[in-house]
Amino acid sequence: MTKGYRCKNFSIGLPDDAEDQSLTALFKHVADRLAEDDPISMDDMIAIGFETELGDDAAFRGTFTIVFADEDSATATPATSPR
């Protein structure tokens, strides 16, 4: 639960063996992955985070974490209004 919202999250990064580890390649990868899965409505978006991590090969890799509303969660407590 995040600030009164029932939510789920997932992270997407480039594969470690991807030749292009640029931010542009990461954005394209995220867009492609989101297009493959069930689309998340803009109304359900809660937050998008970004972080970088230094890999074993001394290359920085970025990861996006996407947090979205999960009103169907049977175990979550009711969400309160943010307003």
Protein backbone atom coordinates (compact mmCIF):
# COMPACT_ATOMS: atom_id res chain seq x y z
CA MET A 1 0.00 0.00 0.00
CA THR A 2 1.34 3.42 -0.95
CA LYS A 3 -0.12 6.58 0.62
CA GLY A 4 -3.56 5.00 0.95
CA TYR A 5 -3.59 3.37 -2.48
CA ARG A 6 -3.77 -0.34 -3.16
CA CYS A 7 -0.96 -0.88 -5.60
CA LYS A 8 1.37 -3.23 -7.42
CA ASN A 9 4.77 -2.51 -8.90
CA PHE A 10 7.31 -3.98 -11.25
CA SER A 11 10.75 -3.00 -12.49
CA ILE A 12 12.12 -3.05 -16.01
CA GLY A 13 15.76 -2.77 -17.01
CA LEU A 14 17.81 -3.76 -20.00
CA PRO A 15 19.30 -7.25 -20.06
CA ASP A 16 22.89 -7.26 -18.79
CA ASP A 17 24.11 -8.52 -22.16
CA ALA A 18 22.37 -5.78 -24.19
CA GLU A 19 24.96 -4.12 -26.41
CA ASP A 20 23.35 -0.68 -26.07
CA GLN A 21 22.98 0.30 -22.40
CA SER A 22 21.97 3.89 -23.15
CA LEU A 23 19.02 5.69 -21.60
CA THR A 24 17.41 5.87 -25.03
CA ALA A 25 17.66 2.08 -25.41
CA LEU A 26 16.16 1.67 -21.93
CA PHE A 27 13.19 3.90 -22.77
CA LYS A 28 12.57 1.91 -25.97
CA HIS A 29 12.83 -1.37 -24.06
CA VAL A 30 10.35 -0.19 -21.42
CA ALA A 31 7.90 0.98 -24.10
CA ASP A 32 8.19 -2.33 -25.97
CA ARG A 33 7.64 -4.37 -22.80
CA LEU A 34 4.63 -2.30 -21.78
CA ALA A 35 3.14 -2.69 -25.26
CA GLU A 36 3.50 -6.50 -25.01
CA ASP A 37 1.66 -6.75 -21.69
CA ASP A 38 -1.79 -5.60 -20.66
CA PRO A 39 -1.69 -1.82 -20.90
CA ILE A 40 -1.81 0.16 -17.69
CA SER A 41 -4.23 3.07 -17.78
CA MET A 42 -2.83 6.53 -17.09
CA ASP A 43 -5.61 6.79 -14.48
CA ASP A 44 -4.03 3.86 -12.61
CA MET A 45 -0.49 5.27 -12.52
CA ILE A 46 0.76 6.22 -9.07
CA ALA A 47 4.52 6.66 -9.53
CA ILE A 48 7.46 5.91 -11.79
CA GLY A 49 10.92 5.74 -10.26
CA PHE A 50 14.34 5.50 -11.86
CA GLU A 51 17.61 4.28 -10.43
CA THR A 52 21.01 3.28 -11.69
CA GLU A 53 23.27 0.56 -10.40
CA LEU A 54 26.86 -0.27 -11.16
CA GLY A 55 27.07 -3.78 -12.64
CA ASP A 56 29.78 -6.38 -12.09
CA ASP A 57 31.33 -5.26 -15.37
CA ALA A 58 31.64 -1.63 -14.10
CA ALA A 59 28.85 -0.45 -16.44
CA PHE A 60 25.96 1.57 -15.07
CA ARG A 61 22.52 0.13 -15.73
CA GLY A 62 19.19 1.89 -15.30
CA THR A 63 15.92 0.45 -14.06
CA PHE A 64 12.43 1.93 -14.05
CA THR A 65 10.02 0.91 -11.30
CA ILE A 66 6.37 1.44 -12.17
CA VAL A 67 3.76 1.63 -9.40
CA PHE A 68 0.12 1.36 -10.40
CA ALA A 69 -3.27 1.07 -8.71
CA ASP A 70 -4.52 -2.42 -7.88
CA GLU A 71 -8.17 -2.07 -6.98
CA ASP A 72 -8.69 -5.84 -7.44
CA SER A 73 -6.40 -6.88 -4.61
CA ALA A 74 -8.38 -9.07 -2.21
CA THR A 75 -5.91 -8.61 0.63
CA ALA A 76 -5.40 -4.87 0.44
CA THR A 77 -7.23 -2.50 2.73
CA PRO A 78 -9.59 0.01 1.13
CA ALA A 79 -7.89 3.01 -0.40
CA THR A 80 -8.58 6.46 0.97
CA SER A 81 -9.18 9.41 -1.27
CA PRO A 82 -6.03 11.45 -1.98
CA ARG A 83 -8.07 14.68 -2.08
